[in-house]
N, C-alpha and C. Protein backbone atom coordinates (compact mmCIF):
# COMPACT_ATOMS: atom_id res chain seq x y z
N UNK A 1 -51.89 37.39 27.79
CA UNK A 1 -52.93 37.50 27.01
C UNK A 1 -54.54 37.12 28.77
N UNK A 2 -55.31 38.08 27.70
CA UNK A 2 -56.52 38.29 29.17
C UNK A 2 -56.86 36.84 29.16
N UNK A 3 -57.94 36.09 30.00
CA UNK A 3 -58.26 34.61 29.82
C UNK A 3 -60.26 34.89 30.30
N UNK A 4 -60.72 33.81 29.99
CA UNK A 4 -61.89 34.30 30.06
C UNK A 4 -62.02 32.59 31.27
N UNK A 5 -63.14 33.36 32.31
CA UNK A 5 -62.96 32.16 33.20
C UNK A 5 -64.72 31.77 33.52
N UNK A 6 -64.72 30.69 33.23
CA UNK A 6 -66.66 30.47 33.49
C UNK A 6 -66.74 29.84 35.00
N UNK A 7 -67.86 30.31 35.73
CA UNK A 7 -68.00 29.90 36.70
C UNK A 7 -69.16 28.67 36.47
N UNK A 8 -68.42 27.05 36.53
CA UNK A 8 -69.73 26.15 36.46
C UNK A 8 -70.07 25.77 37.81
N UNK A 9 -70.19 26.43 38.91
CA UNK A 9 -70.64 26.17 40.21
C UNK A 9 -72.00 25.75 39.89
N UNK A 10 -72.65 24.76 40.32
CA UNK A 10 -74.22 23.70 40.03
C UNK A 10 -75.11 25.21 40.64
N UNK A 11 -74.34 25.98 42.04
CA UNK A 11 -75.58 26.90 42.48
C UNK A 11 -75.52 28.23 41.52
N UNK A 12 -74.13 28.50 40.70
CA UNK A 12 -74.18 29.82 39.79
C UNK A 12 -75.50 29.20 38.75
N UNK A 13 -75.21 28.08 38.45
CA UNK A 13 -76.39 27.80 37.05
C UNK A 13 -77.26 27.56 37.62
N UNK A 14 -77.78 26.77 38.65
CA UNK A 14 -79.23 26.78 38.70
C UNK A 14 -80.03 28.43 39.03
N UNK A 15 -79.46 29.01 40.13
CA UNK A 15 -79.88 30.04 40.25
C UNK A 15 -80.15 31.11 38.63
N UNK A 16 -79.49 31.03 37.67
CA UNK A 16 -78.87 31.52 36.16
C UNK A 16 -80.34 31.01 35.58
N UNK A 17 -80.16 29.40 35.83
CA UNK A 17 -81.29 28.94 34.95
C UNK A 17 -82.77 29.66 35.13
N UNK A 18 -82.98 29.98 36.60
CA UNK A 18 -84.03 30.75 36.78
C UNK A 18 -84.72 32.34 36.41
N UNK A 19 -83.21 32.67 36.23
CA UNK A 19 -83.00 33.96 35.76
C UNK A 19 -83.82 33.82 34.38
N UNK A 20 -83.09 33.06 33.85
CA UNK A 20 -83.71 32.69 32.15
C UNK A 20 -85.32 32.36 31.54
N UNK A 21 -85.87 31.95 32.89
CA UNK A 21 -87.41 31.67 32.47
C UNK A 21 -87.98 32.92 32.34
N UNK A 22 -88.59 33.11 31.77
CA UNK A 22 -89.75 34.54 31.18
C UNK A 22 -90.63 34.97 32.16
N UNK A 23 -90.85 33.48 33.14
CA UNK A 23 -92.23 33.35 33.67
C UNK A 23 -91.14 34.45 35.12
N UNK A 24 -90.30 34.24 35.88
CA UNK A 24 -89.38 34.87 36.58
C UNK A 24 -89.59 36.43 36.93
N UNK A 25 -90.44 36.56 37.84
CA UNK A 25 -90.29 38.16 37.70
C UNK A 25 -89.34 39.09 38.69
N UNK A 26 -89.63 40.25 38.97
CA UNK A 26 -88.75 41.63 38.77
C UNK A 26 -88.06 41.08 39.88
N UNK A 27 -88.74 41.03 41.45
CA UNK A 27 -88.63 40.94 42.79
C UNK A 27 -87.47 39.32 43.11
N UNK A 28 -87.53 38.58 41.84
CA UNK A 28 -87.36 37.03 42.04
C UNK A 28 -85.52 37.12 41.10
N UNK A 29 -85.98 38.45 40.31
CA UNK A 29 -84.85 38.40 39.22
C UNK A 29 -83.81 39.11 39.56
N UNK A 30 -83.51 40.41 40.79
CA UNK A 30 -82.98 40.78 41.00
C UNK A 30 -82.22 40.18 42.43
N UNK A 31 -83.11 39.43 42.69
CA UNK A 31 -82.18 38.83 44.35
C UNK A 31 -81.27 37.54 43.81
N UNK A 32 -82.01 37.32 42.35
CA UNK A 32 -81.28 36.01 41.53
C UNK A 32 -79.16 36.18 40.89
N UNK A 33 -80.03 37.78 40.89
CA UNK A 33 -78.69 38.27 40.57
C UNK A 33 -77.73 38.57 41.28
N UNK A 34 -78.45 39.09 42.27
CA UNK A 34 -77.13 39.70 43.71
C UNK A 34 -76.81 38.58 44.25
N UNK A 35 -77.53 37.81 43.98
CA UNK A 35 -76.41 35.94 44.70
C UNK A 35 -75.31 35.06 44.47
N UNK A 36 -76.02 35.80 42.64
CA UNK A 36 -74.92 35.36 41.59
C UNK A 36 -73.59 36.05 41.83
N UNK A 37 -74.06 37.46 41.97
CA UNK A 37 -72.97 38.29 41.81
C UNK A 37 -71.92 37.71 43.25
N UNK A 38 -73.14 37.89 44.06
CA UNK A 38 -72.27 37.43 45.26
C UNK A 38 -70.97 36.05 45.05
N UNK A 39 -71.69 35.31 44.70
CA UNK A 39 -70.60 33.66 44.35
C UNK A 39 -69.89 33.94 43.28
N UNK A 40 -70.04 34.66 42.38
CA UNK A 40 -68.73 35.10 41.29
C UNK A 40 -67.65 36.10 42.21
N UNK A 41 -68.08 37.42 42.99
CA UNK A 41 -67.21 37.81 44.05
C UNK A 41 -66.23 37.32 44.51
N UNK A 42 -66.98 35.83 45.14
CA UNK A 42 -66.17 35.30 46.36
C UNK A 42 -64.85 34.31 45.91
N UNK A 43 -65.26 34.26 44.23
CA UNK A 43 -64.16 33.62 43.44
C UNK A 43 -62.85 34.51 42.69
N UNK A 44 -63.92 35.61 42.29
CA UNK A 44 -62.87 36.34 41.77
C UNK A 44 -61.44 37.03 42.72
N UNK A 45 -61.77 37.36 43.71
CA UNK A 45 -61.12 37.85 45.11
C UNK A 45 -60.59 36.92 45.71
N UNK A 46 -60.64 35.61 45.20
CA UNK A 46 -59.56 34.97 45.68
C UNK A 46 -58.07 34.72 45.59
N UNK A 47 -57.59 35.52 44.66
CA UNK A 47 -56.29 36.07 45.35
C UNK A 47 -55.71 37.46 45.63
N UNK A 48 -56.74 38.01 46.33
CA UNK A 48 -56.64 39.36 47.39
C UNK A 48 -55.48 38.78 48.23
N UNK A 49 -54.42 39.42 48.59
CA UNK A 49 -53.78 39.62 49.12
C UNK A 49 -54.13 39.26 51.05
N UNK A 50 -53.28 38.57 52.16
CA UNK A 50 -54.05 38.73 53.43
C UNK A 50 -52.24 38.85 53.90
N UNK A 51 -52.35 39.04 55.90
CA UNK A 51 -51.32 38.94 56.70
C UNK A 51 -51.92 39.03 57.68
N UNK A 52 -50.64 38.10 58.55
CA UNK A 52 -50.52 37.37 59.80
C UNK A 52 -51.35 38.87 60.66
N UNK A 53 -52.10 38.54 61.68
CA UNK A 53 -52.38 39.92 62.75
C UNK A 53 -53.30 38.77 64.02
N UNK A 54 -52.41 39.46 65.18
CA UNK A 54 -52.68 39.31 66.20
C UNK A 54 -54.06 39.47 66.88
N UNK A 55 -55.38 38.76 67.22
CA UNK A 55 -55.93 38.76 67.88
C UNK A 55 -56.02 38.07 69.02
N UNK A 56 -57.56 38.42 70.19
CA UNK A 56 -57.88 37.21 71.10
C UNK A 56 -58.54 36.77 71.36
N UNK A 57 -59.10 35.57 70.71
CA UNK A 57 -60.06 34.77 71.49
C UNK A 57 -60.29 34.50 72.25
N UNK A 58 -62.03 34.07 72.72
CA UNK A 58 -62.07 33.82 74.16
C UNK A 58 -61.14 32.62 74.71
N UNK A 59 -60.30 31.50 74.23
CA UNK A 59 -59.86 31.04 74.85
C UNK A 59 -58.20 31.57 74.93
N UNK A 60 -58.01 32.33 73.93
CA UNK A 60 -56.40 32.87 73.89
C UNK A 60 -55.93 33.40 73.13
N UNK A 61 -55.04 33.96 72.88
CA UNK A 61 -54.00 34.78 71.27
C UNK A 61 -54.16 33.92 70.31
N UNK A 62 -54.09 34.28 69.09
CA UNK A 62 -53.94 33.62 68.21
C UNK A 62 -53.23 34.40 66.62
N UNK A 63 -52.89 34.19 65.87
CA UNK A 63 -52.36 34.52 64.70
C UNK A 63 -53.15 34.06 63.20
N UNK A 64 -53.71 34.98 62.90
CA UNK A 64 -54.62 34.75 62.25
C UNK A 64 -54.53 35.51 60.40
N UNK A 65 -55.01 34.94 59.78
CA UNK A 65 -54.94 35.92 58.19
C UNK A 65 -55.92 36.89 58.37
N UNK A 66 -55.90 38.52 57.57
CA UNK A 66 -56.89 39.46 57.42
C UNK A 66 -55.84 39.98 56.17
N UNK A 67 -57.07 40.52 55.60
CA UNK A 67 -57.23 41.14 54.12
C UNK A 67 -56.06 42.44 54.61
N UNK A 68 -54.91 42.14 53.07
CA UNK A 68 -53.96 43.38 53.80
C UNK A 68 -55.10 44.64 53.43
N UNK A 69 -54.49 45.92 53.20
CA UNK A 69 -55.29 47.46 52.41
C UNK A 69 -55.08 47.09 51.62
N UNK A 70 -56.28 46.96 50.90
CA UNK A 70 -55.84 47.05 49.44
C UNK A 70 -57.36 47.65 48.45
N UNK A 71 -56.99 49.05 47.98
CA UNK A 71 -58.19 49.93 47.45
C UNK A 71 -58.81 48.97 46.49
N UNK A 72 -60.64 48.71 46.16
CA UNK A 72 -61.18 48.37 45.37
C UNK A 72 -62.15 49.09 45.05
N UNK A 73 -62.49 49.23 43.84
CA UNK A 73 -63.61 49.72 43.05
C UNK A 73 -64.74 49.36 42.37
N UNK A 74 -65.89 49.29 42.32
CA UNK A 74 -66.56 48.40 41.99
C UNK A 74 -66.91 49.39 41.07
N UNK A 75 -67.73 49.14 39.47
CA UNK A 75 -67.77 50.11 38.07
C UNK A 75 -68.86 49.36 37.22
N UNK A 76 -70.25 49.77 38.01
CA UNK A 76 -71.17 49.28 37.18
C UNK A 76 -72.07 49.84 35.61
N UNK A 77 -71.88 49.87 34.60
CA UNK A 77 -71.99 49.51 33.53
C UNK A 77 -73.77 50.99 33.60
N UNK A 78 -74.29 51.45 33.48
CA UNK A 78 -75.42 52.02 33.56
C UNK A 78 -76.17 51.75 32.33
N UNK A 79 -77.61 51.08 33.00
CA UNK A 79 -78.02 50.64 33.49
C UNK A 79 -77.80 49.60 34.56
N UNK A 80 -77.59 48.18 33.49
CA UNK A 80 -78.26 47.15 34.46
C UNK A 80 -76.92 46.81 35.48
N UNK A 81 -75.76 46.95 35.17
CA UNK A 81 -74.55 46.75 36.63
C UNK A 81 -75.26 46.93 37.99
N UNK A 82 -76.16 48.36 37.89
CA UNK A 82 -76.29 48.58 38.54
C UNK A 82 -76.41 47.59 40.27
N UNK A 83 -77.02 46.55 39.26
CA UNK A 83 -77.89 45.13 39.97
C UNK A 83 -77.20 44.41 40.49
N UNK A 84 -75.93 44.67 40.65
CA UNK A 84 -74.94 43.87 40.88
C UNK A 84 -73.65 44.46 41.91
N UNK A 85 -74.16 45.81 41.88
CA UNK A 85 -73.52 46.65 43.13
C UNK A 85 -73.22 45.75 44.40
N UNK A 86 -75.04 46.03 45.10
CA UNK A 86 -75.08 45.58 46.95
C UNK A 86 -74.51 45.12 47.12
N UNK A 87 -74.67 43.93 45.71
CA UNK A 87 -74.21 42.51 46.28
C UNK A 87 -73.04 42.57 46.46
N UNK A 88 -72.14 42.79 45.53
CA UNK A 88 -70.57 42.92 45.67
C UNK A 88 -69.86 43.59 46.91
N UNK A 89 -71.15 44.78 47.69
CA UNK A 89 -70.70 46.15 48.54
C UNK A 89 -70.76 44.81 49.92
N UNK A 90 -71.15 43.67 49.96
CA UNK A 90 -71.79 43.12 51.55
C UNK A 90 -70.26 42.35 51.41
N UNK A 91 -69.92 42.25 50.30
CA UNK A 91 -68.70 41.12 50.81
C UNK A 91 -67.66 41.93 50.68
N UNK A 92 -67.21 43.35 50.19
CA UNK A 92 -66.69 43.91 50.00
C UNK A 92 -66.96 45.25 50.59
N UNK A 93 -66.87 45.79 51.99
CA UNK A 93 -68.09 46.89 52.21
C UNK A 93 -67.04 48.30 52.41
N UNK A 94 -65.36 47.88 52.15
CA UNK A 94 -65.13 48.96 51.72
C UNK A 94 -64.65 49.42 50.51
N UNK A 95 -64.83 49.21 49.82
CA UNK A 95 -65.35 49.74 48.05
C UNK A 95 -65.82 50.41 47.61
N UNK A 96 -65.08 51.56 47.40
CA UNK A 96 -65.98 52.37 46.32
C UNK A 96 -66.44 51.77 44.89
N UNK A 97 -67.35 53.30 45.02
CA UNK A 97 -68.07 52.93 43.90
C UNK A 97 -68.17 53.76 42.62
N UNK A 98 -67.61 53.03 41.73
CA UNK A 98 -67.92 54.25 40.38
C UNK A 98 -69.06 53.85 39.25
N UNK A 99 -69.00 54.94 38.21
CA UNK A 99 -70.35 54.81 37.62
C UNK A 99 -69.78 55.13 36.15
N UNK A 100 -70.07 54.54 35.09
CA UNK A 100 -70.00 54.58 33.57
C UNK A 100 -71.42 54.70 32.98
N UNK A 101 -71.61 55.71 32.23
CA UNK A 101 -72.81 55.54 31.92
C UNK A 101 -72.82 55.62 29.80
N UNK A 102 -73.80 54.77 29.76
CA UNK A 102 -73.37 54.70 28.12
C UNK A 102 -74.58 54.44 26.79
N UNK A 103 -74.94 54.99 25.84
CA UNK A 103 -75.80 54.73 24.63
C UNK A 103 -75.31 54.71 23.85
N UNK A 104 -76.26 54.02 23.03
CA UNK A 104 -76.08 53.65 21.35
C UNK A 104 -76.35 54.25 20.62
N UNK A 105 -75.41 54.52 19.80
CA UNK A 105 -75.69 55.85 18.84
C UNK A 105 -76.67 55.11 17.25
N UNK A 106 -77.53 55.73 16.84
CA UNK A 106 -78.75 54.70 16.32
C UNK A 106 -78.50 54.45 14.55
N UNK A 107 -77.30 55.85 14.62
CA UNK A 107 -76.65 55.54 13.51
C UNK A 107 -75.59 54.52 13.05
N UNK A 108 -74.58 54.26 13.88
CA UNK A 108 -73.33 53.65 13.85
C UNK A 108 -73.79 52.19 14.89
N UNK A 109 -74.62 52.30 16.04
CA UNK A 109 -74.89 51.23 16.62
C UNK A 109 -73.66 50.94 17.39
N UNK A 110 -72.84 51.95 17.68
CA UNK A 110 -71.40 51.37 18.32
C UNK A 110 -72.22 52.59 20.48
N UNK A 111 -71.81 52.12 21.22
CA UNK A 111 -71.66 52.35 22.72
C UNK A 111 -70.79 53.75 22.45
N UNK A 112 -71.66 54.85 23.12
CA UNK A 112 -70.99 56.54 23.41
C UNK A 112 -71.08 56.31 24.60
N UNK A 113 -69.55 56.86 25.16
CA UNK A 113 -69.77 57.06 26.55
C UNK A 113 -70.59 58.90 27.11
N UNK A 114 -71.03 58.30 27.95
CA UNK A 114 -71.71 59.58 28.07
C UNK A 114 -71.52 60.28 29.65
N UNK A 115 -71.29 59.57 30.76
CA UNK A 115 -70.50 59.80 31.97
C UNK A 115 -69.47 58.55 32.32
N UNK A 116 -68.67 59.24 33.28
CA UNK A 116 -67.82 58.70 33.39
C UNK A 116 -67.33 59.44 35.24
N UNK A 117 -67.82 58.71 36.31
CA UNK A 117 -67.69 59.60 37.13
C UNK A 117 -66.80 58.43 38.39
N UNK A 118 -65.72 58.62 38.91
CA UNK A 118 -64.55 57.26 39.53
C UNK A 118 -63.68 57.74 40.72
N UNK A 119 -63.86 56.81 41.63
CA UNK A 119 -63.23 57.45 43.16
C UNK A 119 -61.84 57.96 42.61
N UNK A 120 -61.41 59.04 43.63
CA UNK A 120 -60.18 59.74 43.60
C UNK A 120 -59.14 58.55 43.28
N UNK A 121 -59.18 57.51 44.06
CA UNK A 121 -57.88 56.33 44.55
C UNK A 121 -57.99 55.27 42.64
N UNK A 122 -59.14 55.16 42.03
CA UNK A 122 -59.41 54.31 40.75
C UNK A 122 -58.40 53.45 40.65
N UNK A 123 -57.24 54.45 39.90
CA UNK A 123 -55.57 54.28 39.40
C UNK A 123 -55.59 53.52 40.13
N UNK A 124 -55.66 53.99 41.58
CA UNK A 124 -54.93 52.37 42.12
C UNK A 124 -55.26 51.24 42.88
N UNK A 125 -56.10 51.16 42.23
CA UNK A 125 -56.92 50.21 42.68
C UNK A 125 -57.51 48.90 41.63
N UNK A 126 -57.75 47.69 42.48
CA UNK A 126 -58.74 46.88 41.48
C UNK A 126 -59.93 47.18 41.39
N UNK A 127 -60.03 47.06 40.06
CA UNK A 127 -61.50 47.77 39.29
C UNK A 127 -62.02 46.72 38.68
N UNK A 128 -63.25 46.62 39.40
CA UNK A 128 -64.61 45.20 38.81
C UNK A 128 -65.57 46.17 38.12
N UNK A 129 -65.26 46.08 37.07
CA UNK A 129 -66.14 46.81 36.03
C UNK A 129 -67.70 45.59 35.88
N UNK A 130 -68.74 45.93 36.38
CA UNK A 130 -70.03 45.09 36.25
C UNK A 130 -70.73 45.04 35.51
N UNK A 131 -71.21 44.24 34.40
CA UNK A 131 -72.14 44.25 33.37
C UNK A 131 -72.85 43.08 33.17
N UNK A 132 -74.31 43.16 33.53
CA UNK A 132 -74.73 41.43 33.70
C UNK A 132 -74.69 41.36 31.70
N UNK A 133 -74.45 42.06 31.27
CA UNK A 133 -74.76 41.19 29.73
C UNK A 133 -73.26 41.29 28.74
N UNK A 134 -72.84 40.78 28.19
CA UNK A 134 -71.60 41.13 26.94
C UNK A 134 -72.13 40.34 25.86
N UNK A 135 -73.09 40.97 24.86
CA UNK A 135 -73.30 40.34 23.26
C UNK A 135 -72.19 40.93 22.53
N UNK A 136 -72.55 41.93 22.19
CA UNK A 136 -71.58 42.03 20.70
C UNK A 136 -70.22 42.28 21.80
N UNK A 137 -69.74 42.92 22.96
CA UNK A 137 -68.51 42.92 23.25
C UNK A 137 -68.37 44.73 23.68
N UNK A 138 -68.92 45.01 22.38
CA UNK A 138 -69.34 47.02 22.09
C UNK A 138 -68.85 47.58 23.94
N UNK A 139 -70.19 47.46 24.27
CA UNK A 139 -70.44 48.37 25.67
C UNK A 139 -69.09 47.58 26.46
N UNK A 140 -68.71 46.57 26.69
CA UNK A 140 -68.30 46.34 27.62
C UNK A 140 -66.77 46.91 27.30
N UNK A 141 -66.02 46.25 26.06
CA UNK A 141 -64.93 47.10 25.39
C UNK A 141 -64.65 48.70 25.74
N UNK A 142 -65.69 48.87 25.40
CA UNK A 142 -65.71 50.96 25.18
C UNK A 142 -66.03 51.32 27.10
N UNK A 143 -66.13 50.28 28.00
CA UNK A 143 -65.86 51.09 29.62
C UNK A 143 -64.88 50.49 29.73
N UNK A 144 -64.12 49.46 29.34
CA UNK A 144 -62.77 49.31 30.05
C UNK A 144 -62.13 50.36 29.41
N UNK A 145 -62.00 50.50 27.91
CA UNK A 145 -60.94 51.49 27.22
C UNK A 145 -61.26 53.22 28.03
N UNK A 146 -62.36 53.27 28.37
CA UNK A 146 -63.00 54.50 29.12
C UNK A 146 -62.33 54.61 30.32
N UNK A 147 -62.15 52.96 31.22
CA UNK A 147 -61.52 53.42 32.65
C UNK A 147 -59.89 53.10 32.38
N UNK A 148 -59.21 53.35 31.26
CA UNK A 148 -57.80 53.16 30.97
C UNK A 148 -57.70 54.75 30.83
N UNK A 149 -58.31 55.36 30.11
CA UNK A 149 -58.29 56.96 29.90
C UNK A 149 -58.30 57.33 31.18
N UNK A 150 -58.67 57.18 32.23
CA UNK A 150 -58.81 57.79 33.43
C UNK A 150 -57.70 57.08 34.42
N UNK A 151 -57.06 55.87 33.31
CA UNK A 151 -56.02 55.81 34.45
C UNK A 151 -55.62 54.58 34.69
N UNK A 152 -56.77 53.81 35.27
CA UNK A 152 -57.15 52.40 35.68
C UNK A 152 -56.39 51.49 35.04
N UNK A 153 -55.59 50.57 35.97
CA UNK A 153 -54.49 49.08 34.90
C UNK A 153 -55.07 48.09 35.36
N UNK A 154 -55.71 47.76 36.62
CA UNK A 154 -55.81 46.53 37.28
C UNK A 154 -57.40 46.37 37.22
N UNK A 155 -57.41 45.94 35.98
CA UNK A 155 -59.07 46.01 35.17
C UNK A 155 -59.78 44.56 35.36
N UNK A 156 -60.81 44.28 36.14
CA UNK A 156 -61.75 42.77 35.85
C UNK A 156 -62.91 42.95 35.31
N UNK A 157 -63.32 42.56 34.42
CA UNK A 157 -64.69 42.56 33.49
C UNK A 157 -65.85 41.44 34.59
N UNK A 158 -66.42 41.87 34.78
CA UNK A 158 -67.73 40.86 35.34
C UNK A 158 -68.62 40.57 35.00
N UNK A 159 -68.95 40.00 33.81
CA UNK A 159 -70.24 39.70 33.37
C UNK A 159 -71.24 38.41 33.62
N UNK A 160 -72.03 38.50 33.52
CA UNK A 160 -72.88 37.58 33.76
C UNK A 160 -73.12 36.35 32.67
N UNK A 161 -73.71 37.08 31.51
CA UNK A 161 -73.69 35.89 30.85
C UNK A 161 -72.64 36.44 29.17
N UNK A 162 -72.05 35.73 28.93
CA UNK A 162 -71.23 36.69 27.88
C UNK A 162 -71.33 35.70 26.30
N UNK A 163 -71.16 36.15 25.24
CA UNK A 163 -71.25 35.58 24.00
C UNK A 163 -69.41 34.98 23.47
N UNK A 164 -69.03 34.05 22.59
CA UNK A 164 -67.84 34.40 22.19
C UNK A 164 -67.52 35.43 21.44
N UNK A 165 -68.57 35.91 20.47
CA UNK A 165 -67.80 37.46 19.98
C UNK A 165 -67.67 38.49 20.88
N UNK A 166 -68.33 38.53 21.73
CA UNK A 166 -68.28 39.49 22.83
C UNK A 166 -67.12 39.62 23.42
N UNK A 167 -66.96 38.03 23.96
CA UNK A 167 -65.34 37.86 25.07
C UNK A 167 -64.51 38.34 23.63
N UNK A 168 -64.29 37.93 22.66
CA UNK A 168 -63.21 37.78 21.86
C UNK A 168 -63.06 39.34 21.56
N UNK A 169 -63.69 40.15 20.89
CA UNK A 169 -63.74 41.59 20.79
C UNK A 169 -63.41 42.06 22.20
N UNK A 170 -63.68 41.48 23.25
CA UNK A 170 -62.89 42.86 24.64
C UNK A 170 -61.75 42.36 24.48
N UNK A 171 -60.93 40.88 24.13
CA UNK A 171 -59.69 40.87 24.24
C UNK A 171 -58.91 41.44 22.98
N UNK A 172 -59.64 41.48 21.96
CA UNK A 172 -59.07 42.38 20.64
C UNK A 172 -58.13 43.41 21.42
N UNK A 173 -59.20 44.54 21.52
CA UNK A 173 -59.42 45.08 22.32
C UNK A 173 -58.32 45.72 23.43
N UNK A 174 -58.66 44.59 24.62
CA UNK A 174 -57.98 44.63 25.35
C UNK A 174 -57.09 43.38 26.09
N UNK A 175 -56.01 42.70 25.45
CA UNK A 175 -55.58 41.61 25.94
C UNK A 175 -55.04 41.25 26.90
N UNK A 176 -55.32 42.55 27.73
CA UNK A 176 -54.68 42.50 28.78
C UNK A 176 -55.84 41.83 30.48
N UNK A 177 -56.83 42.12 29.40
CA UNK A 177 -57.90 42.25 30.98
C UNK A 177 -58.85 40.39 30.85
N UNK A 178 -59.15 40.47 32.45
CA UNK A 178 -59.20 39.03 32.42
C UNK A 178 -60.93 38.92 32.08
N UNK A 179 -62.02 38.19 32.22
CA UNK A 179 -63.29 38.36 32.14
C UNK A 179 -64.25 37.03 32.95
N UNK A 180 -64.72 37.00 33.40
CA UNK A 180 -65.51 36.91 34.43
C UNK A 180 -66.79 36.17 34.42
N UNK A 181 -67.48 35.23 33.91
CA UNK A 181 -68.88 34.60 33.49
C UNK A 181 -69.52 33.94 34.00
N UNK A 182 -70.88 33.84 34.09
CA UNK A 182 -71.54 33.20 34.61
C UNK A 182 -71.69 31.65 33.46
N UNK A 183 -71.62 32.02 32.11
CA UNK A 183 -72.32 31.58 31.36
C UNK A 183 -71.99 31.36 30.21
N UNK A 184 -71.32 31.67 28.56
CA UNK A 184 -71.07 31.73 27.60
C UNK A 184 -72.26 30.67 26.79
N UNK A 185 -72.39 31.89 26.26
CA UNK A 185 -74.07 31.25 25.06
C UNK A 185 -73.21 31.29 24.07
N UNK A 186 -74.21 31.10 23.01
CA UNK A 186 -74.70 30.46 21.92
C UNK A 186 -73.53 31.55 21.18
N UNK A 187 -74.64 33.03 21.28
CA UNK A 187 -74.33 33.93 19.84
C UNK A 187 -75.20 35.11 19.92
N UNK A 188 -75.44 35.78 19.35
CA UNK A 188 -76.55 36.33 19.19
C UNK A 188 -77.54 36.18 17.81
N UNK A 189 -78.82 36.92 17.68
CA UNK A 189 -79.83 36.79 17.32
C UNK A 189 -80.01 38.10 16.42
N UNK A 190 -80.29 38.00 15.45
CA UNK A 190 -80.69 39.24 13.93
C UNK A 190 -80.53 41.34 14.77
N UNK A 191 -81.03 40.50 16.03
CA UNK A 191 -81.30 41.87 17.03
C UNK A 191 -80.14 42.48 18.17
N UNK A 192 -79.30 41.60 18.04
CA UNK A 192 -77.84 41.25 18.91
C UNK A 192 -78.50 41.22 19.88
N UNK A 193 -79.54 40.41 20.49
CA UNK A 193 -80.13 39.73 21.98
C UNK A 193 -79.04 38.50 21.83
N UNK A 194 -78.42 38.42 23.28
CA UNK A 194 -78.26 36.86 23.41
C UNK A 194 -79.10 35.85 23.06
N UNK A 195 -78.17 34.84 22.66
CA UNK A 195 -79.08 33.39 22.57
C UNK A 195 -78.48 32.33 23.35
N UNK A 196 -79.10 31.42 24.23
CA UNK A 196 -80.72 32.04 24.79
C UNK A 196 -80.93 33.07 25.45
N UNK A 197 -79.49 33.51 26.22
CA UNK A 197 -80.40 35.29 26.75
C UNK A 197 -80.08 34.88 27.96
N UNK A 198 -81.18 35.95 28.34
CA UNK A 198 -82.84 36.03 29.27
C UNK A 198 -83.54 37.27 29.11
N UNK A 199 -83.02 37.79 27.76
CA UNK A 199 -83.86 38.89 27.47
C UNK A 199 -82.99 40.58 28.21
N UNK A 200 -83.58 41.10 27.87
CA UNK A 200 -82.71 42.51 28.29
C UNK A 200 -82.92 42.64 29.79
N UNK A 201 -81.41 42.39 30.46
CA UNK A 201 -80.83 42.76 31.88
C UNK A 201 -81.65 44.12 32.79
N UNK A 202 -80.94 45.04 32.00
CA UNK A 202 -81.90 45.99 32.39
C UNK A 202 -83.49 46.02 32.55
N UNK A 203 -83.82 45.70 32.16
CA UNK A 203 -85.56 46.02 32.01
C UNK A 203 -86.16 45.22 32.85
N UNK A 204 -85.55 43.70 32.66
CA UNK A 204 -85.89 42.95 33.95
C UNK A 204 -85.60 43.26 35.53
N UNK A 205 -84.37 44.07 35.08
CA UNK A 205 -84.06 44.10 36.93
C UNK A 205 -84.81 45.55 37.33
N UNK A 206 -85.24 46.36 36.56
CA UNK A 206 -85.85 47.10 36.90
C UNK A 206 -87.21 47.27 37.00
N UNK A 207 -87.73 46.46 35.70
CA UNK A 207 -89.51 46.34 35.54
C UNK A 207 -89.43 47.01 34.59
N UNK A 208 -88.73 47.41 33.89
CA UNK A 208 -89.20 48.91 32.75
C UNK A 208 -90.17 47.59 31.70
N UNK A 209 -90.55 46.81 31.54
CA UNK A 209 -90.66 46.17 30.32
C UNK A 209 -91.87 44.39 30.39
């Protein structure tokens, strides 16, 4: 069964608290999201394998650990997930990037994928699906479903904030997938916004509201 990992590090929580403030502007919001994403990825990739290699330091030879070659694919859910990509690439510069686009059907209120473009080696990669907000769990679960349709097997979900019902739905549909979050919030209001949340992440990243 997949697990939910909540990062309660003081730096992450401090930065997230500033993001929640409605008076935090677009520039600072983006920067904080980027910083939190870097801190989270640092921990999420803790189990990447290393191998010993020989290097020559200014003092002499040394056997040191370096990452084994492993394909890594970042897949942001458009559009808010884009706000996390640059930060992750700074830590994983060789990672390839795919994209999944979704919209919400006005009648069913369910997410509908309209675009999916993945690197050729995505099926053999560690796939980090980036989506800041996991509210109802619908779009997050649908994103994982789309990745599996494309043949991806090693998938990790990276959310900034989730709700208990959102995480539960993802695990009901995908019990093999781990979820990594900075905060598990209370739940949803009547408009399906996360409470207390931070508003619409996409609007606050791109300054569209």
